[in-house]
Amino acid sequence: MYTIKRAAELTGIGLSTLRAWERRYGVVSPSRSEGQYRLYSDADVRALAIMASLVHDGWTAKEAAAETLSRLAGGGVSAPVGGPQGAELESPPGLDELLDAARDLDTPRVSAILAQRLGSADFTEAAGSWLMPVLAAIGSAWADGRLSAAGEHLVSHAIQRRLAGLYEAAPRATTGPVVVLGLPSGARHELGLLAFSVAARQAGLTTAYVGADLPAEDWELAVSGRHAGGAVLSVPRMADIVSAQAVVDRLTRNAPGIVVAVGGRHQDSVTGALHLGHDLAAGVALLRDGLVRGQRLTS
């Protein structure tokens, strides 16, 4: 059983949104502890994850709730994953094989598939065309019950290990402004940002990856300690918007002159920063241009 805070973390739904969905649409009916605190089951978390995925893909909350309840009742999928008006996207090559290996908890096979798909010389192309769609597909497979939580964790950790290895293996630039990359306080979904960090380092940028869950005051210390010219945050969940905005506001106020950029699913909800978009190559190019402009302004 999960507390409401943990259920929100697992699904990427804000606490107030989670309560509203429960109250208005009846998607979940959590039990109560002896102290009358909400307790969510694995089935509740899966239902919330399905609804959150549908809302992100363009469904209204009312439509998403009805579709979620239909799926949970065995009614199947009534519209493409892309949303009520969307077109069904082609699965990335090798996805079925990867999901099969994850279901079997076969770590060596998962690692071999990742090495094959991400072992090309052009990581940025492989990440953009294969890895990012795969990450979305894995999340959907867990949400609709085709992949267990254990399988999702196994493949996610395997991807993280692979990306960390690629990041460390990339040539380290010794010139140019340092870019600090990480996630704001409370944010822990770092695979997309880690992939961006690999692409940025391989493109010749000087990077310092500081990882997940970094409070705003520590962001300021990291930037000042490395005399950084840029800072990149990811905003993967709605629940991360407030903490990301706090970092952006603090850095723009106390570290004038640096380029503050944001990426991730909910980047457009953060103001006062450069939005990197959802394409790795284009995002790295935007960041590089911003750093060049910043150097000209301070020179």
C-alpha atoms as a PDB file:
ATOM      1  CA  MET A   1       0.000   0.000   0.000  1.00  0.00           C
ATOM      2  CA  TYR A   2       1.146   3.537  -0.758  1.00  0.00           C
ATOM      3  CA  THR A   3       0.579   6.868   0.958  1.00  0.00           C
ATOM      4  CA  ILE A   4      -0.903   9.668  -1.131  1.00  0.00           C
ATOM      5  CA  LYS A   5       2.517  11.307  -1.333  1.00  0.00           C
ATOM      6  CA  ARG A   6       4.109   8.129  -2.657  1.00  0.00           C
ATOM      7  CA  ALA A   7       1.248   7.529  -5.119  1.00  0.00           C
ATOM      8  CA  ALA A   8       1.747  11.066  -6.433  1.00  0.00           C
ATOM      9  CA  GLU A   9       5.490  10.476  -6.838  1.00  0.00           C
ATOM     10  CA  LEU A  10       4.958   7.193  -8.698  1.00  0.00           C
ATOM     11  CA  THR A  11       2.429   8.625 -11.139  1.00  0.00           C
ATOM     12  CA  GLY A  12       3.709  12.179 -11.566  1.00  0.00           C
ATOM     13  CA  ILE A  13       0.372  13.650 -10.461  1.00  0.00           C
ATOM     14  CA  GLY A  14       0.191  16.609  -8.097  1.00  0.00           C
ATOM     15  CA  LEU A  15      -1.470  15.981  -4.749  1.00  0.00           C
ATOM     16  CA  SER A  16      -4.328  18.400  -5.391  1.00  0.00           C
ATOM     17  CA  THR A  17      -4.926  16.899  -8.845  1.00  0.00           C
ATOM     18  CA  LEU A  18      -4.900  13.385  -7.429  1.00  0.00           C
ATOM     19  CA  ARG A  19      -7.516  14.300  -4.825  1.00  0.00           C
ATOM     20  CA  ALA A  20      -9.647  16.061  -7.447  1.00  0.00           C
ATOM     21  CA  TRP A  21      -9.603  13.051  -9.781  1.00  0.00           C
ATOM     22  CA  GLU A  22     -10.581  10.795  -6.905  1.00  0.00           C
ATOM     23  CA  ARG A  23     -13.420  13.086  -5.849  1.00  0.00           C
ATOM     24  CA  ARG A  24     -14.803  14.060  -9.243  1.00  0.00           C
ATOM     25  CA  TYR A  25     -14.325  10.942 -11.352  1.00  0.00           C
ATOM     26  CA  GLY A  26     -14.085   8.008  -8.953  1.00  0.00           C
ATOM     27  CA  VAL A  27     -11.106   6.505 -10.753  1.00  0.00           C
ATOM     28  CA  VAL A  28      -9.753   5.203  -7.435  1.00  0.00           C
ATOM     29  CA  SER A  29     -11.243   4.565  -4.020  1.00  0.00           C
ATOM     30  CA  PRO A  30      -8.323   4.284  -1.608  1.00  0.00           C
ATOM     31  CA  SER A  31      -8.688   2.562   1.718  1.00  0.00           C
ATOM     32  CA  ARG A  32      -7.933   4.326   4.982  1.00  0.00           C
ATOM     33  CA  SER A  33      -5.418   3.628   7.705  1.00  0.00           C
ATOM     34  CA  GLU A  34      -6.379   3.567  11.370  1.00  0.00           C
ATOM     35  CA  GLY A  35      -5.430   7.224  11.440  1.00  0.00           C
ATOM     36  CA  GLN A  36      -7.731   7.867   8.439  1.00  0.00           C
ATOM     37  CA  TYR A  37      -4.887   8.498   5.998  1.00  0.00           C
ATOM     38  CA  ARG A  38      -5.446   7.467   2.379  1.00  0.00           C
ATOM     39  CA  LEU A  39      -3.756   4.210   1.325  1.00  0.00           C
ATOM     40  CA  TYR A  40      -3.439   3.344  -2.370  1.00  0.00           C
ATOM     41  CA  SER A  41      -3.056  -0.189  -3.750  1.00  0.00           C
ATOM     42  CA  ASP A  42      -1.010  -1.241  -6.798  1.00  0.00           C
ATOM     43  CA  ALA A  43      -4.281  -1.268  -8.777  1.00  0.00           C
ATOM     44  CA  ASP A  44      -5.028   2.308  -7.660  1.00  0.00           C
ATOM     45  CA  VAL A  45      -1.581   3.488  -8.730  1.00  0.00           C
ATOM     46  CA  ARG A  46      -1.971   1.782 -12.115  1.00  0.00           C
ATOM     47  CA  ALA A  47      -5.366   3.452 -12.643  1.00  0.00           C
ATOM     48  CA  LEU A  48      -3.938   6.868 -11.830  1.00  0.00           C
ATOM     49  CA  ALA A  49      -0.974   6.275 -14.141  1.00  0.00           C
ATOM     50  CA  ILE A  50      -3.290   5.336 -17.027  1.00  0.00           C
ATOM     51  CA  MET A  51      -5.374   8.465 -16.527  1.00  0.00           C
ATOM     52  CA  ALA A  52      -2.291  10.693 -16.221  1.00  0.00           C
ATOM     53  CA  SER A  53      -0.888   9.261 -19.462  1.00  0.00           C
ATOM     54  CA  LEU A  54      -4.150   9.902 -21.314  1.00  0.00           C
ATOM     55  CA  VAL A  55      -4.433  13.472 -20.026  1.00  0.00           C
ATOM     56  CA  HIS A  56      -0.857  14.150 -21.135  1.00  0.00           C
ATOM     57  CA  ASP A  57      -1.732  12.827 -24.610  1.00  0.00           C
ATOM     58  CA  GLY A  58      -4.561  15.332 -25.009  1.00  0.00           C
ATOM     59  CA  TRP A  59      -7.654  13.714 -23.482  1.00  0.00           C
ATOM     60  CA  THR A  60      -9.842  15.817 -21.218  1.00  0.00           C
ATOM     61  CA  ALA A  61      -9.916  14.660 -17.609  1.00  0.00           C
ATOM     62  CA  LYS A  62     -13.514  13.473 -18.040  1.00  0.00           C
ATOM     63  CA  GLU A  63     -12.682  11.487 -21.185  1.00  0.00           C
ATOM     64  CA  ALA A  64      -9.531  10.064 -19.605  1.00  0.00           C
ATOM     65  CA  ALA A  65     -11.425   8.948 -16.506  1.00  0.00           C
ATOM     66  CA  ALA A  66     -14.064   7.143 -18.585  1.00  0.00           C
ATOM     67  CA  GLU A  67     -11.393   5.471 -20.718  1.00  0.00           C
ATOM     68  CA  THR A  68      -9.407   4.431 -17.643  1.00  0.00           C
ATOM     69  CA  LEU A  69     -12.451   2.838 -16.031  1.00  0.00           C
ATOM     70  CA  SER A  70     -13.247   1.071 -19.326  1.00  0.00           C
ATOM     71  CA  ARG A  71      -9.743  -0.395 -19.547  1.00  0.00           C
ATOM     72  CA  LEU A  72      -9.800  -1.513 -15.936  1.00  0.00           C
ATOM     73  CA  ALA A  73     -13.143  -3.224 -16.568  1.00  0.00           C
ATOM     74  CA  GLY A  74     -11.650  -5.118 -19.510  1.00  0.00           C
ATOM     75  CA  GLY A  75     -13.150  -2.968 -22.215  1.00  0.00           C
ATOM     76  CA  GLY A  76      -9.862  -2.488 -24.040  1.00  0.00           C
ATOM     77  CA  VAL A  77      -8.526   0.682 -25.635  1.00  0.00           C
ATOM     78  CA  SER A  78     -11.216   2.764 -27.295  1.00  0.00           C
ATOM     79  CA  ALA A  79      -8.903   5.230 -29.029  1.00  0.00           C
ATOM     80  CA  PRO A  80      -5.248   5.388 -30.132  1.00  0.00           C
ATOM     81  CA  VAL A  81      -2.580   6.128 -27.553  1.00  0.00           C
ATOM     82  CA  GLY A  82      -1.933   9.477 -29.217  1.00  0.00           C
ATOM     83  CA  GLY A  83      -5.278  10.804 -27.951  1.00  0.00           C
ATOM     84  CA  PRO A  84      -8.884  10.911 -29.113  1.00  0.00           C
ATOM     85  CA  GLN A  85      -7.966  12.643 -32.370  1.00  0.00           C
ATOM     86  CA  GLY A  86      -4.462  11.222 -32.755  1.00  0.00           C
ATOM     87  CA  ALA A  87      -2.986   8.596 -34.998  1.00  0.00           C
ATOM     88  CA  GLU A  88      -1.444   5.457 -33.592  1.00  0.00           C
ATOM     89  CA  LEU A  89       2.324   5.642 -33.629  1.00  0.00           C
ATOM     90  CA  GLU A  90       4.505   2.861 -34.959  1.00  0.00           C
ATOM     91  CA  SER A  91       6.335   0.964 -32.224  1.00  0.00           C
ATOM     92  CA  PRO A  92      10.116   1.488 -32.058  1.00  0.00           C
ATOM     93  CA  PRO A  93      12.040  -1.487 -33.507  1.00  0.00           C
ATOM     94  CA  GLY A  94      12.987  -4.032 -30.879  1.00  0.00           C
ATOM     95  CA  LEU A  95      10.415  -2.789 -28.360  1.00  0.00           C
ATOM     96  CA  ASP A  96       8.584  -6.124 -28.112  1.00  0.00           C
ATOM     97  CA  GLU A  97      11.885  -7.928 -27.552  1.00  0.00           C
ATOM     98  CA  LEU A  98      12.861  -5.446 -24.843  1.00  0.00           C
ATOM     99  CA  LEU A  99       9.490  -5.775 -23.099  1.00  0.00           C
ATOM    100  CA  ASP A 100       9.717  -9.575 -23.227  1.00  0.00           C
ATOM    101  CA  ALA A 101      13.162  -9.436 -21.609  1.00  0.00           C
ATOM    102  CA  ALA A 102      11.877  -7.033 -18.969  1.00  0.00           C
ATOM    103  CA  ARG A 103       8.894  -9.292 -18.180  1.00  0.00           C
ATOM    104  CA  ASP A 104      11.311 -12.198 -17.735  1.00  0.00           C
ATOM    105  CA  LEU A 105      13.529 -10.007 -15.522  1.00  0.00           C
ATOM    106  CA  ASP A 106      16.374 -10.986 -17.846  1.00  0.00           C
ATOM    107  CA  THR A 107      18.964  -8.301 -17.129  1.00  0.00           C
ATOM    108  CA  PRO A 108      21.671  -9.635 -19.514  1.00  0.00           C
ATOM    109  CA  ARG A 109      19.201  -9.694 -22.428  1.00  0.00           C
ATOM    110  CA  VAL A 110      17.943  -6.195 -21.629  1.00  0.00           C
ATOM    111  CA  SER A 111      21.544  -4.932 -21.470  1.00  0.00           C
ATOM    112  CA  ALA A 112      22.399  -6.613 -24.782  1.00  0.00           C
ATOM    113  CA  ILE A 113      19.420  -4.981 -26.516  1.00  0.00           C
ATOM    114  CA  LEU A 114      20.384  -1.574 -25.166  1.00  0.00           C
ATOM    115  CA  ALA A 115      23.999  -2.051 -26.252  1.00  0.00           C
ATOM    116  CA  GLN A 116      22.821  -2.928 -29.757  1.00  0.00           C
ATOM    117  CA  ARG A 117      20.392  -0.025 -30.077  1.00  0.00           C
ATOM    118  CA  LEU A 118      22.501   2.642 -28.353  1.00  0.00           C
ATOM    119  CA  GLY A 119      25.933   1.467 -29.448  1.00  0.00           C
ATOM    120  CA  SER A 120      26.015   3.389 -32.730  1.00  0.00           C
ATOM    121  CA  ALA A 121      28.428   6.255 -33.303  1.00  0.00           C
ATOM    122  CA  ASP A 122      25.528   8.726 -33.509  1.00  0.00           C
ATOM    123  CA  PHE A 123      24.057   8.514 -30.024  1.00  0.00           C
ATOM    124  CA  THR A 124      21.910  11.618 -30.462  1.00  0.00           C
ATOM    125  CA  GLU A 125      20.130  10.107 -33.465  1.00  0.00           C
ATOM    126  CA  ALA A 126      19.658   6.750 -31.701  1.00  0.00           C
ATOM    127  CA  ALA A 127      18.372   8.432 -28.550  1.00  0.00           C
ATOM    128  CA  GLY A 128      15.937  10.659 -30.402  1.00  0.00           C
ATOM    129  CA  SER A 129      14.551   8.064 -32.792  1.00  0.00           C
ATOM    130  CA  TRP A 130      14.646   5.013 -30.501  1.00  0.00           C
ATOM    131  CA  LEU A 131      15.322   5.662 -26.813  1.00  0.00           C
ATOM    132  CA  MET A 132      12.791   8.432 -26.197  1.00  0.00           C
ATOM    133  CA  PRO A 133       9.892   6.537 -27.839  1.00  0.00           C
ATOM    134  CA  VAL A 134      10.944   3.423 -25.929  1.00  0.00           C
ATOM    135  CA  LEU A 135      10.862   5.262 -22.593  1.00  0.00           C
ATOM    136  CA  ALA A 136       7.314   6.439 -23.342  1.00  0.00           C
ATOM    137  CA  ALA A 137       6.282   2.939 -24.416  1.00  0.00           C
ATOM    138  CA  ILE A 138       7.703   1.375 -21.253  1.00  0.00           C
ATOM    139  CA  GLY A 139       5.725   3.819 -19.125  1.00  0.00           C
ATOM    140  CA  SER A 140       2.550   3.007 -21.047  1.00  0.00           C
ATOM    141  CA  ALA A 141       3.188  -0.745 -20.756  1.00  0.00           C
ATOM    142  CA  TRP A 142       3.486  -0.431 -16.993  1.00  0.00           C
ATOM    143  CA  ALA A 143       0.427   1.822 -16.774  1.00  0.00           C
ATOM    144  CA  ASP A 144      -1.867  -0.556 -18.632  1.00  0.00           C
ATOM    145  CA  GLY A 145      -0.596  -3.709 -16.939  1.00  0.00           C
ATOM    146  CA  ARG A 146       1.498  -5.214 -19.752  1.00  0.00           C
ATOM    147  CA  LEU A 147       4.660  -4.793 -17.677  1.00  0.00           C
ATOM    148  CA  SER A 148       5.060  -5.308 -13.944  1.00  0.00           C
ATOM    149  CA  ALA A 149       6.586  -2.705 -11.656  1.00  0.00           C
ATOM    150  CA  ALA A 150       9.598  -4.996 -11.252  1.00  0.00           C
ATOM    151  CA  GLY A 151      10.044  -5.216 -15.017  1.00  0.00           C
ATOM    152  CA  GLU A 152       9.718  -1.455 -15.420  1.00  0.00           C
ATOM    153  CA  HIS A 153      12.280  -0.838 -12.693  1.00  0.00           C
ATOM    154  CA  LEU A 154      14.686  -3.374 -14.167  1.00  0.00           C
ATOM    155  CA  VAL A 155      14.693  -1.889 -17.657  1.00  0.00           C
ATOM    156  CA  SER A 156      14.793   1.694 -16.334  1.00  0.00           C
ATOM    157  CA  HIS A 157      17.837   0.938 -14.193  1.00  0.00           C
ATOM    158  CA  ALA A 158      19.502  -0.813 -17.139  1.00  0.00           C
ATOM    159  CA  ILE A 159      18.936   2.276 -19.298  1.00  0.00           C
ATOM    160  CA  GLN A 160      20.304   4.508 -16.551  1.00  0.00           C
ATOM    161  CA  ARG A 161      23.453   2.382 -16.263  1.00  0.00           C
ATOM    162  CA  ARG A 162      23.914   2.471 -20.030  1.00  0.00           C
ATOM    163  CA  LEU A 163      23.509   6.241 -20.212  1.00  0.00           C
ATOM    164  CA  ALA A 164      25.822   6.810 -17.249  1.00  0.00           C
ATOM    165  CA  GLY A 165      28.488   4.721 -18.971  1.00  0.00           C
ATOM    166  CA  LEU A 166      28.103   6.661 -22.216  1.00  0.00           C
ATOM    167  CA  TYR A 167      28.323   9.940 -20.318  1.00  0.00           C
ATOM    168  CA  GLU A 168      31.544   8.959 -18.566  1.00  0.00           C
ATOM    169  CA  ALA A 169      33.028   7.608 -21.804  1.00  0.00           C
ATOM    170  CA  ALA A 170      32.373  10.796 -23.778  1.00  0.00           C
ATOM    171  CA  PRO A 171      35.378  13.095 -24.319  1.00  0.00           C
ATOM    172  CA  ARG A 172      35.551  15.797 -21.664  1.00  0.00           C
ATOM    173  CA  ALA A 173      35.798  19.304 -23.052  1.00  0.00           C
ATOM    174  CA  THR A 174      38.298  21.578 -21.325  1.00  0.00           C
ATOM    175  CA  THR A 175      37.265  24.869 -22.865  1.00  0.00           C
ATOM    176  CA  GLY A 176      34.039  26.828 -23.001  1.00  0.00           C
ATOM    177  CA  PRO A 177      31.572  27.642 -20.248  1.00  0.00           C
ATOM    178  CA  VAL A 178      30.540  24.914 -17.829  1.00  0.00           C
ATOM    179  CA  VAL A 179      26.926  23.740 -17.983  1.00  0.00           C
ATOM    180  CA  VAL A 180      25.432  22.283 -14.786  1.00  0.00           C
ATOM    181  CA  LEU A 181      22.662  19.743 -15.481  1.00  0.00           C
ATOM    182  CA  GLY A 182      20.256  18.246 -12.954  1.00  0.00           C
ATOM    183  CA  LEU A 183      16.729  18.034 -11.596  1.00  0.00           C
ATOM    184  CA  PRO A 184      14.989  20.277  -9.067  1.00  0.00           C
ATOM    185  CA  SER A 185      14.009  19.285  -5.542  1.00  0.00           C
ATOM    186  CA  GLY A 186      11.692  16.276  -5.474  1.00  0.00           C
ATOM    187  CA  ALA A 187      12.302  15.303  -9.118  1.00  0.00           C
ATOM    188  CA  ARG A 188      13.843  11.881  -9.653  1.00  0.00           C
ATOM    189  CA  HIS A 189      12.920  10.891 -13.226  1.00  0.00           C
ATOM    190  CA  GLU A 190      16.310  11.586 -14.744  1.00  0.00           C
ATOM    191  CA  LEU A 191      16.606   9.338 -17.833  1.00  0.00           C
ATOM    192  CA  GLY A 192      15.628  12.044 -20.329  1.00  0.00           C
ATOM    193  CA  LEU A 193      18.020  14.565 -18.779  1.00  0.00           C
ATOM    194  CA  LEU A 194      20.816  12.012 -18.609  1.00  0.00           C
ATOM    195  CA  ALA A 195      20.347  11.283 -22.324  1.00  0.00           C
ATOM    196  CA  PHE A 196      20.520  15.022 -23.019  1.00  0.00           C
ATOM    197  CA  SER A 197      23.696  15.245 -20.926  1.00  0.00           C
ATOM    198  CA  VAL A 198      25.324  12.502 -23.002  1.00  0.00           C
ATOM    199  CA  ALA A 199      24.377  14.308 -26.220  1.00  0.00           C
ATOM    200  CA  ALA A 200      25.670  17.631 -24.866  1.00  0.00           C
ATOM    201  CA  ARG A 201      29.011  16.181 -23.770  1.00  0.00           C
ATOM    202  CA  GLN A 202      29.442  14.307 -27.040  1.00  0.00           C
ATOM    203  CA  ALA A 203      28.739  17.584 -28.865  1.00  0.00           C
ATOM    204  CA  GLY A 204      31.709  19.167 -27.102  1.00  0.00           C
ATOM    205  CA  LEU A 205      30.028  21.103 -24.310  1.00  0.00           C
ATOM    206  CA  THR A 206      31.674  21.232 -20.890  1.00  0.00           C
ATOM    207  CA  THR A 207      29.165  19.584 -18.562  1.00  0.00           C
ATOM    208  CA  ALA A 208      28.721  18.846 -14.866  1.00  0.00           C
ATOM    209  CA  TYR A 209      25.866  16.417 -14.220  1.00  0.00           C
ATOM    210  CA  VAL A 210      24.585  16.772 -10.655  1.00  0.00           C
ATOM    211  CA  GLY A 211      21.677  14.302 -10.803  1.00  0.00           C
ATOM    212  CA  ALA A 212      18.250  14.258  -9.219  1.00  0.00           C
ATOM    213  CA  ASP A 213      16.469  16.049  -6.368  1.00  0.00           C
ATOM    214  CA  LEU A 214      18.686  19.122  -5.965  1.00  0.00           C
ATOM    215  CA  PRO A 215      17.205  21.974  -3.857  1.00  0.00           C
ATOM    216  CA  ALA A 216      17.288  25.520  -5.226  1.00  0.00           C
ATOM    217  CA  GLU A 217      19.969  26.690  -2.789  1.00  0.00           C
ATOM    218  CA  ASP A 218      22.248  23.822  -3.836  1.00  0.00           C
ATOM    219  CA  TRP A 219      21.695  24.707  -7.484  1.00  0.00           C
ATOM    220  CA  GLU A 220      22.998  28.175  -6.718  1.00  0.00           C
ATOM    221  CA  LEU A 221      26.038  26.743  -4.933  1.00  0.00           C
ATOM    222  CA  ALA A 222      26.767  24.358  -7.804  1.00  0.00           C
ATOM    223  CA  VAL A 223      26.556  27.110 -10.404  1.00  0.00           C
ATOM    224  CA  SER A 224      28.707  29.554  -8.430  1.00  0.00           C
ATOM    225  CA  GLY A 225      31.190  26.846  -7.403  1.00  0.00           C
ATOM    226  CA  ARG A 226      31.880  25.872 -11.019  1.00  0.00           C
ATOM    227  CA  HIS A 227      31.624  29.456 -12.344  1.00  0.00           C
ATOM    228  CA  ALA A 228      29.064  28.006 -14.728  1.00  0.00           C
ATOM    229  CA  GLY A 229      27.835  29.707 -17.849  1.00  0.00           C
ATOM    230  CA  GLY A 230      24.676  27.640 -18.016  1.00  0.00           C
ATOM    231  CA  ALA A 231      22.238  25.505 -16.039  1.00  0.00           C
ATOM    232  CA  VAL A 232      19.852  22.917 -17.492  1.00  0.00           C
ATOM    233  CA  LEU A 233      16.896  21.476 -15.566  1.00  0.00           C
ATOM    234  CA  SER A 234      14.378  18.848 -16.553  1.00  0.00           C
ATOM    235  CA  VAL A 235      10.682  19.124 -15.654  1.00  0.00           C
ATOM    236  CA  PRO A 236       9.403  15.571 -16.237  1.00  0.00           C
ATOM    237  CA  ARG A 237       6.225  15.733 -14.104  1.00  0.00           C
ATOM    238  CA  MET A 238       3.542  18.251 -13.292  1.00  0.00           C
ATOM    239  CA  ALA A 239       4.596  17.873  -9.665  1.00  0.00           C
ATOM    240  CA  ASP A 240       8.069  19.212 -10.588  1.00  0.00           C
ATOM    241  CA  ILE A 241       6.892  22.536 -12.045  1.00  0.00           C
ATOM    242  CA  VAL A 242       6.888  24.511  -8.778  1.00  0.00           C
ATOM    243  CA  SER A 243      10.341  23.364  -7.653  1.00  0.00           C
ATOM    244  CA  ALA A 244      11.798  23.921 -11.132  1.00  0.00           C
ATOM    245  CA  GLN A 245      10.380  27.441 -11.221  1.00  0.00           C
ATOM    246  CA  ALA A 246      11.970  28.107  -7.829  1.00  0.00           C
ATOM    247  CA  VAL A 247      15.385  27.120  -9.213  1.00  0.00           C
ATOM    248  CA  VAL A 248      14.950  29.251 -12.339  1.00  0.00           C
ATOM    249  CA  ASP A 249      13.867  32.266 -10.296  1.00  0.00           C
ATOM    250  CA  ARG A 250      16.750  31.893  -7.849  1.00  0.00           C
ATOM    251  CA  LEU A 251      19.398  31.502 -10.543  1.00  0.00           C
ATOM    252  CA  THR A 252      18.169  34.375 -12.697  1.00  0.00           C
ATOM    253  CA  ARG A 253      18.072  36.578  -9.593  1.00  0.00           C
ATOM    254  CA  ASN A 254      21.366  35.569  -7.967  1.00  0.00           C
ATOM    255  CA  ALA A 255      23.482  34.364 -10.885  1.00  0.00           C
ATOM    256  CA  PRO A 256      22.898  36.995 -13.577  1.00  0.00           C
ATOM    257  CA  GLY A 257      24.456  36.349 -16.945  1.00  0.00           C
ATOM    258  CA  ILE A 258      24.156  32.562 -16.980  1.00  0.00           C
ATOM    259  CA  VAL A 259      21.910  30.727 -19.429  1.00  0.00           C
ATOM    260  CA  VAL A 260      19.111  28.933 -17.571  1.00  0.00           C
ATOM    261  CA  ALA A 261      17.388  26.323 -19.735  1.00  0.00           C
ATOM    262  CA  VAL A 262      14.653  23.771 -19.126  1.00  0.00           C
ATOM    263  CA  GLY A 263      13.606  20.579 -20.883  1.00  0.00           C
ATOM    264  CA  GLY A 264      11.258  17.712 -20.144  1.00  0.00           C
ATOM    265  CA  ARG A 265       7.574  17.046 -20.613  1.00  0.00           C
ATOM    266  CA  HIS A 266       6.337  20.081 -18.660  1.00  0.00           C
ATOM    267  CA  GLN A 267       9.025  22.614 -19.597  1.00  0.00           C
ATOM    268  CA  ASP A 268       6.495  25.028 -21.133  1.00  0.00           C
ATOM    269  CA  SER A 269       4.949  25.579 -17.696  1.00  0.00           C
ATOM    270  CA  VAL A 270       8.184  27.145 -16.409  1.00  0.00           C
ATOM    271  CA  THR A 271       8.790  30.806 -17.242  1.00  0.00           C
ATOM    272  CA  GLY A 272      11.958  32.880 -17.445  1.00  0.00           C
ATOM    273  CA  ALA A 273      14.125  30.148 -18.982  1.00  0.00           C
ATOM    274  CA  LEU A 274      15.204  28.930 -22.401  1.00  0.00           C
ATOM    275  CA  HIS A 275      12.929  26.072 -23.498  1.00  0.00           C
ATOM    276  CA  LEU A 276      14.961  23.313 -25.156  1.00  0.00           C
ATOM    277  CA  GLY A 277      12.052  21.495 -26.793  1.00  0.00           C
ATOM    278  CA  HIS A 278      11.715  17.749 -27.181  1.00  0.00           C
ATOM    279  CA  ASP A 279      14.407  16.933 -29.751  1.00  0.00           C
ATOM    280  CA  LEU A 280      17.875  16.167 -28.390  1.00  0.00           C
ATOM    281  CA  ALA A 281      19.902  17.503 -31.310  1.00  0.00           C
ATOM    282  CA  ALA A 282      17.851  20.687 -31.582  1.00  0.00           C
ATOM    283  CA  GLY A 283      17.985  21.170 -27.815  1.00  0.00           C
ATOM    284  CA  VAL A 284      21.770  20.881 -27.708  1.00  0.00           C
ATOM    285  CA  ALA A 285      22.025  23.370 -30.584  1.00  0.00           C
ATOM    286  CA  LEU A 286      19.740  25.839 -28.772  1.00  0.00           C
ATOM    287  CA  LEU A 287      21.822  25.518 -25.618  1.00  0.00           C
ATOM    288  CA  ARG A 288      25.076  26.036 -27.517  1.00  0.00           C
ATOM    289  CA  ASP A 289      23.690  29.162 -29.221  1.00  0.00           C
ATOM    290  CA  GLY A 290      22.532  30.506 -25.872  1.00  0.00           C
ATOM    291  CA  LEU A 291      25.964  29.988 -24.341  1.00  0.00           C
ATOM    292  CA  VAL A 292      27.641  31.737 -27.267  1.00  0.00           C
ATOM    293  CA  ARG A 293      25.306  34.724 -26.941  1.00  0.00           C
ATOM    294  CA  GLY A 294      25.912  34.782 -23.195  1.00  0.00           C
ATOM    295  CA  GLN A 295      29.678  34.864 -23.695  1.00  0.00           C
ATOM    296  CA  ARG A 296      29.382  37.749 -26.138  1.00  0.00           C
ATOM    297  CA  LEU A 297      27.283  39.763 -23.719  1.00  0.00           C
ATOM    298  CA  THR A 298      29.764  39.287 -20.865  1.00  0.00           C
ATOM    299  CA  SER A 299      32.951  39.714 -22.889  1.00  0.00           C
END
